[in-house]
Each structure stands twice: as C-alpha cells, then as structure tokens.
Amino acid sequence: MTFDPAAFRFGGPVPRGAHVARVPAGIDSKATLFRALVPVLALPAYFGANWDALEECLRDLSWIGPKTVALVHEDLPDLPKKELLTYLSILSDAVKDWKDGEEHALVVIFPAKAKTNFEALASRR
C-alpha cells in the first residue's frame, strides 16, 4: 500500500464549519484506532472494525451533516509499520476520492512535528 503525504495537512487550520473528529495521541494498535474512530466519526452500526470497512465509511460519510469532515490527529498513531502504511493509504485515497462539488470533503490533519516522519515513511516504502 502506498500513500501520498501531499493528501494531508500538517499543523494546518481546521476548515470553518467542519465536523471535527479528533484522534487522540497514544494510539498503539489497530483495535485502539478503531475504538477511537467510532465515536469521533459517529461510524454507523454496520462498521465492521476492519480496514475495508474503514475505507468504505470514509468514502461515504452520509451520516455526517456538515459537508467537510476534518480528521484531526493529535499524533501519528504508533502502529506496526505495515498497519500504519495501510491506515495512511486508506486516508490518502479517501481524501483524494472526494471531488469538488460532491456531498462531502475529507481533510486529514496531523501535527506539524509529524511531517518528518511522513517523509521518512514515504521514502522507505
């Protein structure tokens, strides 16, 4: 799986009027990540707590009223490398999948300090 660091914002402002979904620091497993995402994104009951289900939900977002959804991470999740790359790939693809004029837009924000980590991950894929 590959991801495009350019799909993300680093330390950038949250778009005005966005539904803000904050992902806390300290995420250290896929299960912890999914448990954190369910309430902040108000994921529907059919969310299957797996990568395919996350990808499907991030490309739908119909249950969230505001057009823009901002997924704001307090830190880069401390997942095993393969899982982290999977997560970042899903986020990157979902951000790029939403086109101007569509019902929703997804903005993914990481802290500015994480940018160096992204560049290192992208160069070592």
N, C-alpha and C. Protein backbone atom coordinates (compact mmCIF):
# COMPACT_ATOMS: atom_id res chain seq x y z
N MET A 1 0.83 -1.17 0.00
CA MET A 1 0.00 0.00 0.00
C MET A 1 0.88 1.24 0.00
N THR A 2 0.44 2.22 -0.74
CA THR A 2 1.18 3.48 -0.80
C THR A 2 0.27 4.62 -0.38
N PHE A 3 0.89 5.70 0.03
CA PHE A 3 0.12 6.88 0.40
C PHE A 3 0.82 8.11 -0.14
N ASP A 4 0.06 9.17 -0.27
CA ASP A 4 0.59 10.43 -0.76
C ASP A 4 0.59 11.44 0.38
N PRO A 5 1.78 11.78 0.93
CA PRO A 5 1.82 12.74 2.03
C PRO A 5 1.17 14.08 1.68
N ALA A 6 1.12 14.41 0.38
CA ALA A 6 0.51 15.67 -0.04
C ALA A 6 -1.00 15.69 0.19
N ALA A 7 -1.60 14.52 0.47
CA ALA A 7 -3.04 14.46 0.74
C ALA A 7 -3.37 14.98 2.14
N PHE A 8 -2.35 15.12 2.98
CA PHE A 8 -2.57 15.50 4.37
C PHE A 8 -2.13 16.94 4.63
N ARG A 9 -2.68 17.50 5.70
CA ARG A 9 -2.24 18.80 6.19
C ARG A 9 -1.43 18.56 7.45
N PHE A 10 -0.43 19.38 7.63
CA PHE A 10 0.42 19.26 8.81
C PHE A 10 0.35 20.56 9.61
N GLY A 11 -0.34 20.49 10.75
CA GLY A 11 -0.47 21.65 11.61
C GLY A 11 -1.38 22.72 11.04
N GLY A 12 -2.08 22.40 9.98
CA GLY A 12 -2.92 23.39 9.33
C GLY A 12 -4.20 23.66 10.09
N PRO A 13 -4.87 24.74 9.75
CA PRO A 13 -6.13 25.07 10.43
C PRO A 13 -7.25 24.10 10.02
N VAL A 14 -8.21 23.98 10.91
CA VAL A 14 -9.40 23.18 10.63
C VAL A 14 -10.34 24.04 9.80
N PRO A 15 -10.87 23.51 8.71
CA PRO A 15 -11.79 24.31 7.89
C PRO A 15 -13.01 24.76 8.70
N ARG A 16 -13.43 25.99 8.47
CA ARG A 16 -14.58 26.58 9.16
C ARG A 16 -15.84 25.75 8.88
N GLY A 17 -16.60 25.47 9.92
CA GLY A 17 -17.85 24.74 9.80
C GLY A 17 -17.72 23.24 9.63
N ALA A 18 -16.50 22.73 9.73
CA ALA A 18 -16.27 21.30 9.54
C ALA A 18 -16.74 20.50 10.75
N HIS A 19 -17.10 19.26 10.49
CA HIS A 19 -17.30 18.29 11.56
C HIS A 19 -15.89 17.87 11.98
N VAL A 20 -15.50 18.19 13.20
CA VAL A 20 -14.15 17.90 13.67
C VAL A 20 -14.15 16.58 14.43
N ALA A 21 -13.33 15.65 13.94
CA ALA A 21 -13.17 14.35 14.57
C ALA A 21 -11.73 14.26 15.05
N ARG A 22 -11.53 14.30 16.35
CA ARG A 22 -10.17 14.31 16.91
C ARG A 22 -9.73 12.89 17.28
N VAL A 23 -8.57 12.52 16.77
CA VAL A 23 -7.97 11.22 17.07
C VAL A 23 -6.90 11.48 18.12
N PRO A 24 -7.05 10.92 19.32
CA PRO A 24 -6.12 11.22 20.40
C PRO A 24 -4.73 10.62 20.17
N ALA A 25 -3.76 11.14 20.89
CA ALA A 25 -2.42 10.55 20.91
C ALA A 25 -2.50 9.23 21.67
N GLY A 26 -1.49 8.41 21.54
CA GLY A 26 -1.44 7.16 22.29
C GLY A 26 -2.08 5.98 21.58
N ILE A 27 -2.43 6.12 20.32
CA ILE A 27 -3.00 5.01 19.56
C ILE A 27 -1.86 4.02 19.29
N ASP A 28 -1.97 2.80 19.83
CA ASP A 28 -0.87 1.85 19.71
C ASP A 28 -1.28 0.51 19.10
N SER A 29 -2.51 0.41 18.61
CA SER A 29 -2.94 -0.82 17.95
C SER A 29 -4.10 -0.51 17.02
N LYS A 30 -4.33 -1.40 16.09
CA LYS A 30 -5.45 -1.24 15.16
C LYS A 30 -6.76 -1.20 15.94
N ALA A 31 -6.91 -2.05 16.93
CA ALA A 31 -8.15 -2.09 17.73
C ALA A 31 -8.36 -0.76 18.45
N THR A 32 -7.29 -0.20 19.02
CA THR A 32 -7.40 1.09 19.71
C THR A 32 -7.78 2.19 18.72
N LEU A 33 -7.20 2.14 17.52
CA LEU A 33 -7.53 3.12 16.49
C LEU A 33 -9.01 3.05 16.13
N PHE A 34 -9.51 1.85 15.88
CA PHE A 34 -10.92 1.72 15.52
C PHE A 34 -11.83 2.16 16.66
N ARG A 35 -11.46 1.83 17.90
CA ARG A 35 -12.27 2.27 19.05
C ARG A 35 -12.28 3.80 19.16
N ALA A 36 -11.19 4.44 18.78
CA ALA A 36 -11.12 5.91 18.82
C ALA A 36 -11.93 6.53 17.68
N LEU A 37 -11.92 5.91 16.51
CA LEU A 37 -12.60 6.47 15.35
C LEU A 37 -14.12 6.34 15.41
N VAL A 38 -14.61 5.28 16.01
CA VAL A 38 -16.06 5.04 16.04
C VAL A 38 -16.83 6.23 16.61
N PRO A 39 -16.50 6.73 17.81
CA PRO A 39 -17.31 7.85 18.33
C PRO A 39 -17.04 9.18 17.65
N VAL A 40 -15.79 9.47 17.28
CA VAL A 40 -15.49 10.79 16.73
C VAL A 40 -16.03 10.96 15.32
N LEU A 41 -16.13 9.87 14.58
CA LEU A 41 -16.73 9.92 13.24
C LEU A 41 -18.18 9.46 13.24
N ALA A 42 -18.68 9.10 14.42
CA ALA A 42 -20.05 8.58 14.55
C ALA A 42 -20.28 7.47 13.51
N LEU A 43 -19.29 6.56 13.43
CA LEU A 43 -19.38 5.50 12.43
C LEU A 43 -20.65 4.69 12.64
N PRO A 44 -21.28 4.31 11.55
CA PRO A 44 -22.56 3.59 11.64
C PRO A 44 -22.40 2.20 12.25
N ALA A 45 -23.51 1.65 12.71
CA ALA A 45 -23.51 0.34 13.37
C ALA A 45 -22.95 -0.76 12.49
N TYR A 46 -23.04 -0.60 11.18
CA TYR A 46 -22.54 -1.64 10.28
C TYR A 46 -21.02 -1.59 10.10
N PHE A 47 -20.33 -0.60 10.71
CA PHE A 47 -18.88 -0.55 10.62
C PHE A 47 -18.29 -1.84 11.17
N GLY A 48 -17.51 -2.53 10.37
CA GLY A 48 -17.01 -3.85 10.74
C GLY A 48 -15.68 -3.89 11.45
N ALA A 49 -15.13 -2.73 11.85
CA ALA A 49 -13.87 -2.67 12.58
C ALA A 49 -12.75 -3.42 11.85
N ASN A 50 -12.63 -3.14 10.54
CA ASN A 50 -11.52 -3.67 9.76
C ASN A 50 -11.15 -2.62 8.71
N TRP A 51 -10.04 -2.82 8.03
CA TRP A 51 -9.55 -1.81 7.09
C TRP A 51 -10.53 -1.58 5.94
N ASP A 52 -11.12 -2.64 5.41
CA ASP A 52 -12.07 -2.47 4.30
C ASP A 52 -13.28 -1.65 4.73
N ALA A 53 -13.77 -1.90 5.94
CA ALA A 53 -14.93 -1.16 6.44
C ALA A 53 -14.58 0.31 6.66
N LEU A 54 -13.37 0.58 7.16
CA LEU A 54 -12.95 1.97 7.36
C LEU A 54 -12.89 2.69 6.01
N GLU A 55 -12.29 2.04 5.04
CA GLU A 55 -12.20 2.64 3.71
C GLU A 55 -13.59 2.95 3.14
N GLU A 56 -14.50 2.01 3.29
CA GLU A 56 -15.87 2.21 2.79
C GLU A 56 -16.55 3.38 3.50
N CYS A 57 -16.42 3.44 4.81
CA CYS A 57 -17.07 4.51 5.56
C CYS A 57 -16.49 5.89 5.24
N LEU A 58 -15.17 5.97 5.06
CA LEU A 58 -14.55 7.26 4.75
C LEU A 58 -14.90 7.75 3.36
N ARG A 59 -15.38 6.87 2.52
CA ARG A 59 -15.79 7.26 1.17
C ARG A 59 -17.30 7.46 1.08
N ASP A 60 -17.98 7.40 2.23
CA ASP A 60 -19.43 7.59 2.28
C ASP A 60 -19.75 8.85 3.08
N LEU A 61 -19.62 8.78 4.39
CA LEU A 61 -19.83 9.92 5.30
C LEU A 61 -21.25 10.51 5.26
N SER A 62 -22.19 9.79 4.69
CA SER A 62 -23.55 10.31 4.53
C SER A 62 -24.25 10.59 5.86
N TRP A 63 -23.82 9.99 6.94
CA TRP A 63 -24.46 10.17 8.24
C TRP A 63 -23.98 11.44 8.94
N ILE A 64 -22.99 12.13 8.37
CA ILE A 64 -22.48 13.37 8.96
C ILE A 64 -23.03 14.54 8.18
N GLY A 65 -23.68 15.47 8.89
CA GLY A 65 -24.34 16.59 8.23
C GLY A 65 -23.40 17.58 7.55
N PRO A 66 -22.40 18.13 8.26
CA PRO A 66 -21.54 19.12 7.62
C PRO A 66 -20.82 18.55 6.40
N LYS A 67 -20.67 19.38 5.40
CA LYS A 67 -20.02 18.94 4.15
C LYS A 67 -18.58 18.50 4.38
N THR A 68 -17.83 19.25 5.15
CA THR A 68 -16.42 18.94 5.37
C THR A 68 -16.23 18.19 6.68
N VAL A 69 -15.49 17.11 6.61
CA VAL A 69 -15.14 16.33 7.78
C VAL A 69 -13.63 16.46 7.97
N ALA A 70 -13.21 16.95 9.13
CA ALA A 70 -11.79 17.13 9.43
C ALA A 70 -11.38 16.09 10.47
N LEU A 71 -10.52 15.18 10.06
CA LEU A 71 -10.00 14.15 10.94
C LEU A 71 -8.65 14.65 11.46
N VAL A 72 -8.66 15.13 12.70
CA VAL A 72 -7.51 15.81 13.29
C VAL A 72 -6.81 14.85 14.25
N HIS A 73 -5.58 14.50 13.91
CA HIS A 73 -4.78 13.59 14.74
C HIS A 73 -3.90 14.40 15.69
N GLU A 74 -3.90 14.02 16.96
CA GLU A 74 -3.02 14.67 17.92
C GLU A 74 -1.58 14.21 17.75
N ASP A 75 -1.40 13.03 17.15
CA ASP A 75 -0.08 12.48 16.91
C ASP A 75 -0.20 11.41 15.83
N LEU A 76 0.90 11.01 15.27
CA LEU A 76 0.92 9.91 14.33
C LEU A 76 0.69 8.62 15.12
N PRO A 77 -0.31 7.81 14.75
CA PRO A 77 -0.53 6.57 15.50
C PRO A 77 0.73 5.70 15.54
N ASP A 78 0.97 5.09 16.68
CA ASP A 78 2.15 4.24 16.89
C ASP A 78 1.77 2.80 16.57
N LEU A 79 1.47 2.57 15.30
CA LEU A 79 1.07 1.24 14.83
C LEU A 79 2.28 0.53 14.23
N PRO A 80 2.23 -0.81 14.16
CA PRO A 80 3.27 -1.50 13.41
C PRO A 80 3.32 -0.93 12.00
N LYS A 81 4.50 -0.91 11.39
CA LYS A 81 4.70 -0.22 10.12
C LYS A 81 3.69 -0.63 9.05
N LYS A 82 3.44 -1.91 8.89
CA LYS A 82 2.50 -2.36 7.86
C LYS A 82 1.10 -1.80 8.11
N GLU A 83 0.65 -1.81 9.35
CA GLU A 83 -0.67 -1.28 9.67
C GLU A 83 -0.72 0.24 9.51
N LEU A 84 0.36 0.92 9.90
CA LEU A 84 0.41 2.37 9.74
C LEU A 84 0.34 2.74 8.26
N LEU A 85 1.08 2.03 7.42
CA LEU A 85 1.04 2.30 5.99
C LEU A 85 -0.34 2.02 5.41
N THR A 86 -1.00 0.98 5.90
CA THR A 86 -2.37 0.68 5.45
C THR A 86 -3.30 1.82 5.83
N TYR A 87 -3.23 2.28 7.07
CA TYR A 87 -4.07 3.38 7.54
C TYR A 87 -3.82 4.64 6.73
N LEU A 88 -2.57 5.00 6.53
CA LEU A 88 -2.25 6.21 5.79
C LEU A 88 -2.68 6.10 4.33
N SER A 89 -2.57 4.93 3.77
CA SER A 89 -3.03 4.72 2.39
C SER A 89 -4.54 4.89 2.27
N ILE A 90 -5.28 4.33 3.22
CA ILE A 90 -6.74 4.47 3.23
C ILE A 90 -7.12 5.94 3.36
N LEU A 91 -6.46 6.65 4.27
CA LEU A 91 -6.76 8.08 4.45
C LEU A 91 -6.43 8.87 3.19
N SER A 92 -5.26 8.63 2.64
CA SER A 92 -4.82 9.34 1.43
C SER A 92 -5.79 9.11 0.28
N ASP A 93 -6.16 7.86 0.05
CA ASP A 93 -7.10 7.54 -1.03
C ASP A 93 -8.46 8.17 -0.80
N ALA A 94 -8.92 8.16 0.45
CA ALA A 94 -10.24 8.74 0.76
C ALA A 94 -10.24 10.25 0.54
N VAL A 95 -9.16 10.91 0.95
CA VAL A 95 -9.06 12.37 0.74
C VAL A 95 -9.14 12.67 -0.76
N LYS A 96 -8.37 11.93 -1.55
CA LYS A 96 -8.32 12.18 -3.00
C LYS A 96 -9.60 11.74 -3.71
N ASP A 97 -10.33 10.80 -3.11
CA ASP A 97 -11.55 10.29 -3.73
C ASP A 97 -12.68 11.32 -3.76
N TRP A 98 -12.75 12.17 -2.72
CA TRP A 98 -13.78 13.20 -2.67
C TRP A 98 -13.41 14.32 -3.62
N LYS A 99 -14.29 14.62 -4.57
CA LYS A 99 -14.03 15.65 -5.59
C LYS A 99 -14.81 16.92 -5.25
N ASP A 100 -14.33 18.05 -5.74
CA ASP A 100 -15.04 19.31 -5.55
C ASP A 100 -16.47 19.18 -6.03
N GLY A 101 -17.39 19.72 -5.26
CA GLY A 101 -18.80 19.69 -5.64
C GLY A 101 -19.54 18.47 -5.14
N GLU A 102 -18.83 17.48 -4.60
CA GLU A 102 -19.51 16.31 -4.08
C GLU A 102 -20.09 16.62 -2.70
N GLU A 103 -20.88 15.69 -2.21
CA GLU A 103 -21.61 15.90 -0.96
C GLU A 103 -20.70 16.20 0.23
N HIS A 104 -19.54 15.58 0.29
CA HIS A 104 -18.62 15.77 1.41
C HIS A 104 -17.20 16.00 0.92
N ALA A 105 -16.37 16.44 1.85
CA ALA A 105 -14.93 16.53 1.64
C ALA A 105 -14.27 16.02 2.92
N LEU A 106 -13.17 15.35 2.76
CA LEU A 106 -12.43 14.84 3.92
C LEU A 106 -11.09 15.55 3.97
N VAL A 107 -10.78 16.10 5.14
CA VAL A 107 -9.50 16.76 5.38
C VAL A 107 -8.85 15.99 6.53
N VAL A 108 -7.61 15.58 6.32
CA VAL A 108 -6.88 14.84 7.36
C VAL A 108 -5.70 15.69 7.80
N ILE A 109 -5.66 15.95 9.10
CA ILE A 109 -4.64 16.84 9.66
C ILE A 109 -3.81 16.09 10.70
N PHE A 110 -2.50 16.23 10.57
CA PHE A 110 -1.56 15.69 11.55
C PHE A 110 -0.77 16.87 12.12
N PRO A 111 -0.18 16.71 13.30
CA PRO A 111 0.63 17.80 13.85
C PRO A 111 1.84 18.08 12.96
N ALA A 112 2.28 19.32 12.95
CA ALA A 112 3.42 19.72 12.11
C ALA A 112 4.65 18.88 12.40
N LYS A 113 4.83 18.50 13.66
CA LYS A 113 6.01 17.72 14.04
C LYS A 113 6.04 16.33 13.38
N ALA A 114 4.90 15.86 12.88
CA ALA A 114 4.83 14.53 12.26
C ALA A 114 5.29 14.53 10.81
N LYS A 115 5.45 15.70 10.21
CA LYS A 115 5.79 15.77 8.78
C LYS A 115 7.09 15.03 8.46
N THR A 116 8.09 15.15 9.30
CA THR A 116 9.36 14.46 9.08
C THR A 116 9.15 12.95 9.06
N ASN A 117 8.33 12.45 9.96
CA ASN A 117 8.03 11.01 9.99
C ASN A 117 7.37 10.56 8.69
N PHE A 118 6.48 11.37 8.15
CA PHE A 118 5.79 11.03 6.90
C PHE A 118 6.78 10.96 5.75
N GLU A 119 7.67 11.92 5.70
CA GLU A 119 8.65 11.95 4.62
C GLU A 119 9.55 10.71 4.69
N ALA A 120 9.93 10.33 5.91
CA ALA A 120 10.76 9.13 6.09
C ALA A 120 9.98 7.88 5.68
N LEU A 121 8.73 7.78 6.08
CA LEU A 121 7.90 6.63 5.70
C LEU A 121 7.72 6.56 4.20
N ALA A 122 7.46 7.69 3.57
CA ALA A 122 7.23 7.73 2.13
C ALA A 122 8.49 7.33 1.36
N SER A 123 9.64 7.70 1.87
CA SER A 123 10.89 7.40 1.15
C SER A 123 11.33 5.95 1.34
N ARG A 124 10.84 5.28 2.39
CA ARG A 124 11.25 3.89 2.68
C ARG A 124 10.26 2.84 2.20
N ARG A 125 9.24 3.25 1.50
CA ARG A 125 8.22 2.28 1.08
C ARG A 125 8.82 1.35 0.14
